[in-house]
Amino acid sequence: MQEELLQFKLQKVWVLEDLPKGKRAIGSKWVFRNKKDEKRIVIRNKARLIAHGHTQEEGIDYDEVFAPVARIEAIRLFLAYASLWVSWFTRCSKHSMGCIKLQELGLQVKQKDDGIFISQDKYVAKILRKFGFTDVKSTNTPIETEKPLLKDPDGKDVEVHIYRSMIRSPMYLTSSRPNTMFTVRACARFQVTPKVSHLHAVKRIFRYLKGKPQLGLWYPRDSPFNLVAYSDSDYARASLDRKSTTGGCQFLGCRLISWQCKKQTVVAISSTEAEYVAAASC
């Protein structure tokens, strides 16, 4: 509790004020939690002082609610728009873009005369070092296409926290590497009871990243700015429930700004239905 109050003082997030006449103060309370590691061992006792926000009334205590959180799609859209005026983006990034810290997002933005290149090669090097894949043999594809991932109930179990930690690292990498999204999503479906076969599939992703660390997105300057969307679908390829998988991508001219790869929520009874479901969610 003392640590929480000390942080309030150090961050200068509060000041003493006289309560205006006719106004009521919003109450507060302490919330206590135990922070645990991946093995469910308590590593820290946390205390947070929070306000009773549920007692506020719209029009009296507040007018609008807004959380300034930028989605990664919005950042890519901004960079795609900025690629039209690279010189303007250079000046803007130096003077008025302090609120958008791309390095903290793990993105490297390289500005050239003919466009902008977005990559996460530093993040790739970081996760390769973290899991010991800096000296392994690389592979040309992130997944073995002729050996689909199955539930494998008779396979040998692996430690859940290791598997989850490994699969979540390349999951963030899909912000600039759409070619790994299908494989990462497929491996993420087995986080509850992962087997050795699933762990080998995750390791193959890292081996692929080892051989292709600097791939990214290229936003050319001389390209139209019309919005084009594509969608596709397989049919009943999910081994667990025979659901289809939707794939989609959206371009501004030649600039890829958004993409999706997810299992459909319904079981399609034909390939045509699967294609329509994919087009509807694009």
C-alpha atoms as a PDB file:
ATOM      1  CA  MET A   1       0.000   0.000   0.000  1.00  0.00           C
ATOM      2  CA  GLN A   2       2.820   2.377   0.850  1.00  0.00           C
ATOM      3  CA  GLU A   3       4.444   1.576  -2.499  1.00  0.00           C
ATOM      4  CA  GLU A   4       1.248   2.495  -4.336  1.00  0.00           C
ATOM      5  CA  LEU A   5       0.943   5.807  -2.487  1.00  0.00           C
ATOM      6  CA  LEU A   6       4.617   6.523  -3.136  1.00  0.00           C
ATOM      7  CA  GLN A   7       4.071   6.007  -6.879  1.00  0.00           C
ATOM      8  CA  PHE A   8       1.212   8.519  -6.786  1.00  0.00           C
ATOM      9  CA  LYS A   9       3.615  11.028  -5.283  1.00  0.00           C
ATOM     10  CA  LEU A  10       6.511  10.294  -7.634  1.00  0.00           C
ATOM     11  CA  GLN A  11       4.354  10.368 -10.781  1.00  0.00           C
ATOM     12  CA  LYS A  12       2.544  13.525  -9.607  1.00  0.00           C
ATOM     13  CA  VAL A  13      -0.859  12.142 -10.564  1.00  0.00           C
ATOM     14  CA  TRP A  14      -2.842  13.836  -7.813  1.00  0.00           C
ATOM     15  CA  VAL A  15      -3.283  17.271  -6.229  1.00  0.00           C
ATOM     16  CA  LEU A  16      -5.268  18.450  -3.234  1.00  0.00           C
ATOM     17  CA  GLU A  17      -8.426  20.401  -4.096  1.00  0.00           C
ATOM     18  CA  ASP A  18     -11.254  21.927  -2.118  1.00  0.00           C
ATOM     19  CA  LEU A  19     -14.556  20.208  -2.811  1.00  0.00           C
ATOM     20  CA  PRO A  20     -16.790  22.601  -4.794  1.00  0.00           C
ATOM     21  CA  LYS A  21     -20.071  23.575  -3.192  1.00  0.00           C
ATOM     22  CA  GLY A  22     -22.902  21.234  -4.108  1.00  0.00           C
ATOM     23  CA  LYS A  23     -20.563  18.503  -5.379  1.00  0.00           C
ATOM     24  CA  ARG A  24     -19.843  15.113  -3.903  1.00  0.00           C
ATOM     25  CA  ALA A  25     -16.525  13.315  -3.853  1.00  0.00           C
ATOM     26  CA  ILE A  26     -16.144   9.950  -5.554  1.00  0.00           C
ATOM     27  CA  GLY A  27     -15.245   7.209  -3.123  1.00  0.00           C
ATOM     28  CA  SER A  28     -12.268   4.891  -3.366  1.00  0.00           C
ATOM     29  CA  LYS A  29     -11.196   1.450  -2.195  1.00  0.00           C
ATOM     30  CA  TRP A  30      -8.159  -0.793  -2.053  1.00  0.00           C
ATOM     31  CA  VAL A  31      -7.923  -3.847  -4.281  1.00  0.00           C
ATOM     32  CA  PHE A  32      -5.456  -6.588  -3.369  1.00  0.00           C
ATOM     33  CA  ARG A  33      -4.137  -9.263  -5.719  1.00  0.00           C
ATOM     34  CA  ASN A  34      -1.391 -11.864  -5.756  1.00  0.00           C
ATOM     35  CA  LYS A  35       0.786 -11.796  -8.866  1.00  0.00           C
ATOM     36  CA  LYS A  36       1.820 -15.310  -9.911  1.00  0.00           C
ATOM     37  CA  ASP A  37       4.335 -16.655 -12.381  1.00  0.00           C
ATOM     38  CA  GLU A  38       3.692 -19.264 -15.067  1.00  0.00           C
ATOM     39  CA  LYS A  39       3.895 -22.024 -12.437  1.00  0.00           C
ATOM     40  CA  ARG A  40       1.237 -20.339 -10.269  1.00  0.00           C
ATOM     41  CA  ILE A  41       3.774 -19.391  -7.590  1.00  0.00           C
ATOM     42  CA  VAL A  42       3.127 -16.061  -5.857  1.00  0.00           C
ATOM     43  CA  ILE A  43       5.942 -13.656  -6.711  1.00  0.00           C
ATOM     44  CA  ARG A  44       4.423 -10.353  -5.615  1.00  0.00           C
ATOM     45  CA  ASN A  45       1.611  -8.926  -3.505  1.00  0.00           C
ATOM     46  CA  LYS A  46      -0.078  -6.052  -5.311  1.00  0.00           C
ATOM     47  CA  ALA A  47      -2.259  -3.268  -3.909  1.00  0.00           C
ATOM     48  CA  ARG A  48      -4.119  -0.755  -6.056  1.00  0.00           C
ATOM     49  CA  LEU A  49      -6.158   2.252  -4.979  1.00  0.00           C
ATOM     50  CA  ILE A  50      -9.125   2.648  -7.316  1.00  0.00           C
ATOM     51  CA  ALA A  51     -12.045   5.056  -7.600  1.00  0.00           C
ATOM     52  CA  HIS A  52     -15.701   4.056  -7.394  1.00  0.00           C
ATOM     53  CA  GLY A  53     -16.318   4.891 -11.022  1.00  0.00           C
ATOM     54  CA  HIS A  54     -19.617   3.004 -11.030  1.00  0.00           C
ATOM     55  CA  THR A  55     -21.127   5.723  -8.813  1.00  0.00           C
ATOM     56  CA  GLN A  56     -20.645   8.410 -11.463  1.00  0.00           C
ATOM     57  CA  GLU A  57     -23.613   9.602 -13.496  1.00  0.00           C
ATOM     58  CA  GLU A  58     -23.465  10.599 -17.145  1.00  0.00           C
ATOM     59  CA  GLY A  59     -24.126  14.288 -17.657  1.00  0.00           C
ATOM     60  CA  ILE A  60     -23.260  15.091 -14.040  1.00  0.00           C
ATOM     61  CA  ASP A  61     -19.838  13.611 -13.376  1.00  0.00           C
ATOM     62  CA  TYR A  62     -18.724  13.140 -16.989  1.00  0.00           C
ATOM     63  CA  ASP A  63     -19.815  13.874 -20.561  1.00  0.00           C
ATOM     64  CA  GLU A  64     -17.693  11.675 -22.814  1.00  0.00           C
ATOM     65  CA  VAL A  65     -15.620   8.542 -22.332  1.00  0.00           C
ATOM     66  CA  PHE A  66     -12.623   8.012 -24.576  1.00  0.00           C
ATOM     67  CA  ALA A  67      -9.656   5.656 -24.301  1.00  0.00           C
ATOM     68  CA  PRO A  68      -6.781   6.813 -26.573  1.00  0.00           C
ATOM     69  CA  VAL A  69      -5.533   3.358 -27.598  1.00  0.00           C
ATOM     70  CA  ALA A  70      -4.271   2.930 -31.154  1.00  0.00           C
ATOM     71  CA  ARG A  71      -4.877  -0.377 -32.918  1.00  0.00           C
ATOM     72  CA  ILE A  72      -2.028  -1.774 -34.978  1.00  0.00           C
ATOM     73  CA  GLU A  73      -4.244  -1.533 -38.085  1.00  0.00           C
ATOM     74  CA  ALA A  74      -4.589   2.210 -37.478  1.00  0.00           C
ATOM     75  CA  ILE A  75      -0.813   2.583 -37.252  1.00  0.00           C
ATOM     76  CA  ARG A  76      -0.310   0.697 -40.521  1.00  0.00           C
ATOM     77  CA  LEU A  77      -2.994   2.854 -42.153  1.00  0.00           C
ATOM     78  CA  PHE A  78      -1.211   5.984 -40.960  1.00  0.00           C
ATOM     79  CA  LEU A  79       2.116   4.734 -42.338  1.00  0.00           C
ATOM     80  CA  ALA A  80       0.485   3.792 -45.651  1.00  0.00           C
ATOM     81  CA  TYR A  81      -0.887   7.320 -45.935  1.00  0.00           C
ATOM     82  CA  ALA A  82       2.474   8.796 -44.919  1.00  0.00           C
ATOM     83  CA  SER A  83       4.239   6.849 -47.688  1.00  0.00           C
ATOM     84  CA  LEU A  84       2.687   9.270 -50.185  1.00  0.00           C
ATOM     85  CA  TRP A  85       4.695  12.107 -48.636  1.00  0.00           C
ATOM     86  CA  VAL A  86       7.883  10.604 -47.251  1.00  0.00           C
ATOM     87  CA  SER A  87       9.514  13.999 -46.708  1.00  0.00           C
ATOM     88  CA  TRP A  88       6.488  15.171 -44.698  1.00  0.00           C
ATOM     89  CA  PHE A  89       6.593  11.993 -42.614  1.00  0.00           C
ATOM     90  CA  THR A  90      10.274  12.610 -41.843  1.00  0.00           C
ATOM     91  CA  ARG A  91       9.552  16.091 -40.501  1.00  0.00           C
ATOM     92  CA  CYS A  92       6.472  14.925 -38.630  1.00  0.00           C
ATOM     93  CA  SER A  93       8.285  12.047 -36.955  1.00  0.00           C
ATOM     94  CA  LYS A  94      10.963  14.438 -35.688  1.00  0.00           C
ATOM     95  CA  HIS A  95       8.705  17.147 -34.322  1.00  0.00           C
ATOM     96  CA  SER A  96       5.108  16.134 -33.689  1.00  0.00           C
ATOM     97  CA  MET A  97       4.957  12.345 -33.302  1.00  0.00           C
ATOM     98  CA  GLY A  98       6.133  11.997 -29.724  1.00  0.00           C
ATOM     99  CA  CYS A  99       2.897  10.200 -28.853  1.00  0.00           C
ATOM    100  CA  ILE A 100       3.562   7.426 -31.406  1.00  0.00           C
ATOM    101  CA  LYS A 101       6.709   5.617 -30.275  1.00  0.00           C
ATOM    102  CA  LEU A 102       7.117   2.996 -32.967  1.00  0.00           C
ATOM    103  CA  GLN A 103      10.261   1.553 -31.404  1.00  0.00           C
ATOM    104  CA  GLU A 104       8.316   0.731 -28.234  1.00  0.00           C
ATOM    105  CA  LEU A 105       5.805  -1.125 -30.416  1.00  0.00           C
ATOM    106  CA  GLY A 106       8.613  -3.288 -31.778  1.00  0.00           C
ATOM    107  CA  LEU A 107       8.357  -1.794 -35.278  1.00  0.00           C
ATOM    108  CA  GLN A 108      11.243  -0.553 -37.395  1.00  0.00           C
ATOM    109  CA  VAL A 109      10.166   2.006 -40.001  1.00  0.00           C
ATOM    110  CA  LYS A 110      12.745   2.668 -42.723  1.00  0.00           C
ATOM    111  CA  GLN A 111      12.011   5.754 -44.815  1.00  0.00           C
ATOM    112  CA  LYS A 112      13.262   5.796 -48.396  1.00  0.00           C
ATOM    113  CA  ASP A 113      12.725   8.123 -51.324  1.00  0.00           C
ATOM    114  CA  ASP A 114      10.322   5.708 -53.004  1.00  0.00           C
ATOM    115  CA  GLY A 115       8.375   4.502 -49.951  1.00  0.00           C
ATOM    116  CA  ILE A 116       8.373   3.122 -46.416  1.00  0.00           C
ATOM    117  CA  PHE A 117       9.470  -0.322 -45.224  1.00  0.00           C
ATOM    118  CA  ILE A 118       8.073  -1.769 -41.968  1.00  0.00           C
ATOM    119  CA  SER A 119       9.730  -4.696 -40.229  1.00  0.00           C
ATOM    120  CA  GLN A 120      10.288  -6.292 -36.817  1.00  0.00           C
ATOM    121  CA  ASP A 121      13.742  -7.772 -37.337  1.00  0.00           C
ATOM    122  CA  LYS A 122      14.973  -6.571 -33.932  1.00  0.00           C
ATOM    123  CA  TYR A 123      12.067  -8.334 -32.252  1.00  0.00           C
ATOM    124  CA  VAL A 124      12.847 -11.482 -34.261  1.00  0.00           C
ATOM    125  CA  ALA A 125      16.446 -11.420 -33.020  1.00  0.00           C
ATOM    126  CA  LYS A 126      15.209 -10.884 -29.461  1.00  0.00           C
ATOM    127  CA  ILE A 127      12.891 -13.905 -29.366  1.00  0.00           C
ATOM    128  CA  LEU A 128      15.446 -16.099 -31.141  1.00  0.00           C
ATOM    129  CA  ARG A 129      17.957 -15.298 -28.391  1.00  0.00           C
ATOM    130  CA  LYS A 130      15.346 -15.762 -25.678  1.00  0.00           C
ATOM    131  CA  PHE A 131      14.473 -19.324 -26.703  1.00  0.00           C
ATOM    132  CA  GLY A 132      17.924 -20.369 -27.938  1.00  0.00           C
ATOM    133  CA  PHE A 133      17.320 -20.507 -31.699  1.00  0.00           C
ATOM    134  CA  THR A 134      20.202 -18.306 -32.834  1.00  0.00           C
ATOM    135  CA  ASP A 135      22.360 -21.219 -34.004  1.00  0.00           C
ATOM    136  CA  VAL A 136      19.748 -23.671 -35.300  1.00  0.00           C
ATOM    137  CA  LYS A 137      19.269 -24.793 -38.886  1.00  0.00           C
ATOM    138  CA  SER A 138      16.710 -22.666 -40.721  1.00  0.00           C
ATOM    139  CA  THR A 139      13.779 -23.818 -42.852  1.00  0.00           C
ATOM    140  CA  ASN A 140      12.053 -22.290 -45.880  1.00  0.00           C
ATOM    141  CA  THR A 141       8.433 -22.651 -44.710  1.00  0.00           C
ATOM    142  CA  PRO A 142       6.783 -22.002 -41.319  1.00  0.00           C
ATOM    143  CA  ILE A 143       4.657 -25.163 -41.413  1.00  0.00           C
ATOM    144  CA  GLU A 144       4.863 -28.683 -42.797  1.00  0.00           C
ATOM    145  CA  THR A 145       1.944 -28.764 -45.224  1.00  0.00           C
ATOM    146  CA  GLU A 146       1.790 -32.539 -45.673  1.00  0.00           C
ATOM    147  CA  LYS A 147       1.605 -33.205 -41.930  1.00  0.00           C
ATOM    148  CA  PRO A 148      -1.369 -31.301 -40.452  1.00  0.00           C
ATOM    149  CA  LEU A 149      -1.580 -30.579 -36.733  1.00  0.00           C
ATOM    150  CA  LEU A 150      -3.846 -33.012 -34.891  1.00  0.00           C
ATOM    151  CA  LYS A 151      -4.976 -33.298 -31.291  1.00  0.00           C
ATOM    152  CA  ASP A 152      -2.570 -36.230 -30.725  1.00  0.00           C
ATOM    153  CA  PRO A 153      -4.093 -37.682 -27.504  1.00  0.00           C
ATOM    154  CA  ASP A 154      -1.420 -40.399 -27.304  1.00  0.00           C
ATOM    155  CA  GLY A 155       1.496 -37.991 -27.675  1.00  0.00           C
ATOM    156  CA  LYS A 156       3.897 -37.014 -24.925  1.00  0.00           C
ATOM    157  CA  ASP A 157       2.935 -33.962 -22.875  1.00  0.00           C
ATOM    158  CA  VAL A 158       5.110 -30.842 -22.733  1.00  0.00           C
ATOM    159  CA  GLU A 159       5.198 -28.086 -20.117  1.00  0.00           C
ATOM    160  CA  VAL A 160       2.248 -25.797 -20.707  1.00  0.00           C
ATOM    161  CA  HIS A 161       3.960 -22.562 -19.624  1.00  0.00           C
ATOM    162  CA  ILE A 162       6.907 -23.158 -21.980  1.00  0.00           C
ATOM    163  CA  TYR A 163       4.595 -23.872 -24.921  1.00  0.00           C
ATOM    164  CA  ARG A 164       2.428 -20.821 -24.233  1.00  0.00           C
ATOM    165  CA  SER A 165       5.429 -18.551 -23.855  1.00  0.00           C
ATOM    166  CA  MET A 166       6.899 -19.757 -27.143  1.00  0.00           C
ATOM    167  CA  ILE A 167       3.693 -19.413 -29.161  1.00  0.00           C
ATOM    168  CA  ARG A 168       2.833 -15.953 -27.823  1.00  0.00           C
ATOM    169  CA  SER A 169       6.129 -14.461 -28.968  1.00  0.00           C
ATOM    170  CA  PRO A 170       5.586 -15.021 -32.727  1.00  0.00           C
ATOM    171  CA  MET A 171       1.908 -14.126 -32.240  1.00  0.00           C
ATOM    172  CA  TYR A 172       2.894 -10.479 -31.766  1.00  0.00           C
ATOM    173  CA  LEU A 173       5.165 -10.778 -34.790  1.00  0.00           C
ATOM    174  CA  THR A 174       2.123 -11.143 -37.048  1.00  0.00           C
ATOM    175  CA  SER A 175       1.796  -7.338 -36.860  1.00  0.00           C
ATOM    176  CA  SER A 176       4.161  -7.159 -39.828  1.00  0.00           C
ATOM    177  CA  ARG A 177       4.483 -10.815 -40.900  1.00  0.00           C
ATOM    178  CA  PRO A 178       1.132 -12.033 -42.289  1.00  0.00           C
ATOM    179  CA  ASN A 179       2.841 -15.100 -43.763  1.00  0.00           C
ATOM    180  CA  THR A 180       3.169 -16.609 -40.271  1.00  0.00           C
ATOM    181  CA  MET A 181      -0.365 -15.921 -39.056  1.00  0.00           C
ATOM    182  CA  PHE A 182      -1.948 -19.192 -40.216  1.00  0.00           C
ATOM    183  CA  THR A 183       0.740 -21.324 -38.572  1.00  0.00           C
ATOM    184  CA  VAL A 184       0.735 -19.338 -35.329  1.00  0.00           C
ATOM    185  CA  ARG A 185      -3.054 -19.506 -35.045  1.00  0.00           C
ATOM    186  CA  ALA A 186      -3.019 -23.250 -35.741  1.00  0.00           C
ATOM    187  CA  CYS A 187      -0.442 -23.907 -33.002  1.00  0.00           C
ATOM    188  CA  ALA A 188      -2.270 -21.618 -30.566  1.00  0.00           C
ATOM    189  CA  ARG A 189      -5.291 -23.952 -30.600  1.00  0.00           C
ATOM    190  CA  PHE A 190      -3.358 -26.527 -28.564  1.00  0.00           C
ATOM    191  CA  GLN A 191      -2.343 -24.371 -25.593  1.00  0.00           C
ATOM    192  CA  VAL A 192      -4.439 -26.347 -23.082  1.00  0.00           C
ATOM    193  CA  THR A 193      -2.875 -29.790 -23.625  1.00  0.00           C
ATOM    194  CA  PRO A 194       0.161 -29.323 -25.889  1.00  0.00           C
ATOM    195  CA  LYS A 195       2.056 -32.378 -27.091  1.00  0.00           C
ATOM    196  CA  VAL A 196       5.559 -32.908 -28.451  1.00  0.00           C
ATOM    197  CA  SER A 197       4.248 -32.793 -32.025  1.00  0.00           C
ATOM    198  CA  HIS A 198       2.763 -29.349 -31.378  1.00  0.00           C
ATOM    199  CA  LEU A 199       6.011 -28.121 -29.818  1.00  0.00           C
ATOM    200  CA  HIS A 200       7.920 -29.275 -32.894  1.00  0.00           C
ATOM    201  CA  ALA A 201       5.533 -27.222 -35.040  1.00  0.00           C
ATOM    202  CA  VAL A 202       6.214 -24.134 -32.912  1.00  0.00           C
ATOM    203  CA  LYS A 203       9.955 -24.711 -33.156  1.00  0.00           C
ATOM    204  CA  ARG A 204       9.606 -24.852 -36.934  1.00  0.00           C
ATOM    205  CA  ILE A 205       8.183 -21.303 -36.818  1.00  0.00           C
ATOM    206  CA  PHE A 206      11.318 -20.124 -35.025  1.00  0.00           C
ATOM    207  CA  ARG A 207      13.531 -21.947 -37.514  1.00  0.00           C
ATOM    208  CA  TYR A 208      11.678 -20.211 -40.337  1.00  0.00           C
ATOM    209  CA  LEU A 209      12.180 -16.830 -38.643  1.00  0.00           C
ATOM    210  CA  LYS A 210      15.865 -17.664 -38.288  1.00  0.00           C
ATOM    211  CA  GLY A 211      16.163 -17.953 -42.073  1.00  0.00           C
ATOM    212  CA  LYS A 212      13.876 -15.008 -42.919  1.00  0.00           C
ATOM    213  CA  PRO A 213      14.410 -12.419 -40.148  1.00  0.00           C
ATOM    214  CA  GLN A 214      14.077  -9.233 -42.216  1.00  0.00           C
ATOM    215  CA  LEU A 215      10.833  -9.737 -44.127  1.00  0.00           C
ATOM    216  CA  GLY A 216       8.261  -6.991 -43.685  1.00  0.00           C
ATOM    217  CA  LEU A 217       5.788  -4.665 -45.387  1.00  0.00           C
ATOM    218  CA  TRP A 218       6.670  -2.350 -48.263  1.00  0.00           C
ATOM    219  CA  TYR A 219       4.509   0.739 -48.816  1.00  0.00           C
ATOM    220  CA  PRO A 220       5.543   2.260 -52.175  1.00  0.00           C
ATOM    221  CA  ARG A 221       5.152   5.959 -52.769  1.00  0.00           C
ATOM    222  CA  ASP A 222       3.979   5.719 -56.381  1.00  0.00           C
ATOM    223  CA  SER A 223       0.862   3.616 -55.905  1.00  0.00           C
ATOM    224  CA  PRO A 224      -2.864   4.394 -56.100  1.00  0.00           C
ATOM    225  CA  PHE A 225      -4.855   4.815 -52.914  1.00  0.00           C
ATOM    226  CA  ASN A 226      -7.966   2.787 -53.724  1.00  0.00           C
ATOM    227  CA  LEU A 227      -9.216   0.238 -51.191  1.00  0.00           C
ATOM    228  CA  VAL A 228      -9.200  -3.388 -52.397  1.00  0.00           C
ATOM    229  CA  ALA A 229     -10.195  -6.409 -50.295  1.00  0.00           C
ATOM    230  CA  TYR A 230      -9.718 -10.133 -50.910  1.00  0.00           C
ATOM    231  CA  SER A 231     -11.091 -13.189 -49.136  1.00  0.00           C
ATOM    232  CA  ASP A 232     -10.621 -16.931 -49.413  1.00  0.00           C
ATOM    233  CA  SER A 233     -11.481 -20.070 -47.491  1.00  0.00           C
ATOM    234  CA  ASP A 234     -10.623 -23.737 -47.300  1.00  0.00           C
ATOM    235  CA  TYR A 235     -13.320 -26.308 -46.623  1.00  0.00           C
ATOM    236  CA  ALA A 236     -13.590 -28.402 -43.446  1.00  0.00           C
ATOM    237  CA  ARG A 237      -9.817 -28.593 -42.975  1.00  0.00           C
ATOM    238  CA  ALA A 238      -9.900 -28.232 -39.169  1.00  0.00           C
ATOM    239  CA  SER A 239      -9.243 -31.717 -37.830  1.00  0.00           C
ATOM    240  CA  LEU A 240     -10.993 -31.140 -34.489  1.00  0.00           C
ATOM    241  CA  ASP A 241     -14.419 -29.872 -35.590  1.00  0.00           C
ATOM    242  CA  ARG A 242     -14.356 -29.789 -39.437  1.00  0.00           C
ATOM    243  CA  LYS A 243     -14.765 -26.029 -39.490  1.00  0.00           C
ATOM    244  CA  SER A 244     -13.356 -23.996 -42.353  1.00  0.00           C
ATOM    245  CA  THR A 245     -10.680 -21.329 -42.059  1.00  0.00           C
ATOM    246  CA  THR A 246     -11.158 -17.813 -43.409  1.00  0.00           C
ATOM    247  CA  GLY A 247      -8.342 -15.773 -44.895  1.00  0.00           C
ATOM    248  CA  GLY A 248      -8.636 -12.143 -45.915  1.00  0.00           C
ATOM    249  CA  CYS A 249      -6.525  -9.088 -46.668  1.00  0.00           C
ATOM    250  CA  GLN A 250      -7.115  -5.421 -47.429  1.00  0.00           C
ATOM    251  CA  PHE A 251      -4.932  -3.174 -49.581  1.00  0.00           C
ATOM    252  CA  LEU A 252      -4.666   0.553 -50.177  1.00  0.00           C
ATOM    253  CA  GLY A 253      -3.364   0.367 -53.701  1.00  0.00           C
ATOM    254  CA  CYS A 254      -0.307  -1.893 -53.323  1.00  0.00           C
ATOM    255  CA  ARG A 255      -0.046  -1.334 -49.566  1.00  0.00           C
ATOM    256  CA  LEU A 256      -1.172  -4.210 -47.360  1.00  0.00           C
ATOM    257  CA  ILE A 257      -2.765  -2.615 -44.270  1.00  0.00           C
ATOM    258  CA  SER A 258      -4.876  -5.387 -42.718  1.00  0.00           C
ATOM    259  CA  TRP A 259      -5.275  -9.158 -42.837  1.00  0.00           C
ATOM    260  CA  GLN A 260      -7.177 -11.943 -41.090  1.00  0.00           C
ATOM    261  CA  CYS A 261      -6.838 -15.674 -40.600  1.00  0.00           C
ATOM    262  CA  LYS A 262      -9.380 -17.300 -38.313  1.00  0.00           C
ATOM    263  CA  LYS A 263     -11.566 -20.326 -37.955  1.00  0.00           C
ATOM    264  CA  GLN A 264     -15.180 -19.799 -38.977  1.00  0.00           C
ATOM    265  CA  THR A 265     -17.803 -19.855 -36.233  1.00  0.00           C
ATOM    266  CA  VAL A 266     -20.189 -22.120 -38.176  1.00  0.00           C
ATOM    267  CA  VAL A 267     -19.717 -25.496 -39.855  1.00  0.00           C
ATOM    268  CA  ALA A 268     -20.135 -24.942 -43.586  1.00  0.00           C
ATOM    269  CA  ILE A 269     -21.848 -27.758 -45.474  1.00  0.00           C
ATOM    270  CA  SER A 270     -20.230 -26.888 -48.803  1.00  0.00           C
ATOM    271  CA  SER A 271     -17.211 -25.061 -50.151  1.00  0.00           C
ATOM    272  CA  THR A 272     -19.532 -22.408 -51.604  1.00  0.00           C
ATOM    273  CA  GLU A 273     -20.991 -21.663 -48.179  1.00  0.00           C
ATOM    274  CA  ALA A 274     -17.488 -21.454 -46.711  1.00  0.00           C
ATOM    275  CA  GLU A 275     -16.529 -18.910 -49.380  1.00  0.00           C
ATOM    276  CA  TYR A 276     -19.621 -16.804 -48.655  1.00  0.00           C
ATOM    277  CA  VAL A 277     -18.894 -16.844 -44.911  1.00  0.00           C
ATOM    278  CA  ALA A 278     -15.331 -15.725 -45.643  1.00  0.00           C
ATOM    279  CA  ALA A 279     -16.499 -12.902 -47.911  1.00  0.00           C
ATOM    280  CA  ALA A 280     -18.998 -11.691 -45.302  1.00  0.00           C
ATOM    281  CA  SER A 281     -16.294 -11.356 -42.641  1.00  0.00           C
ATOM    282  CA  CYS A 282     -13.707  -9.698 -44.882  1.00  0.00           C
END
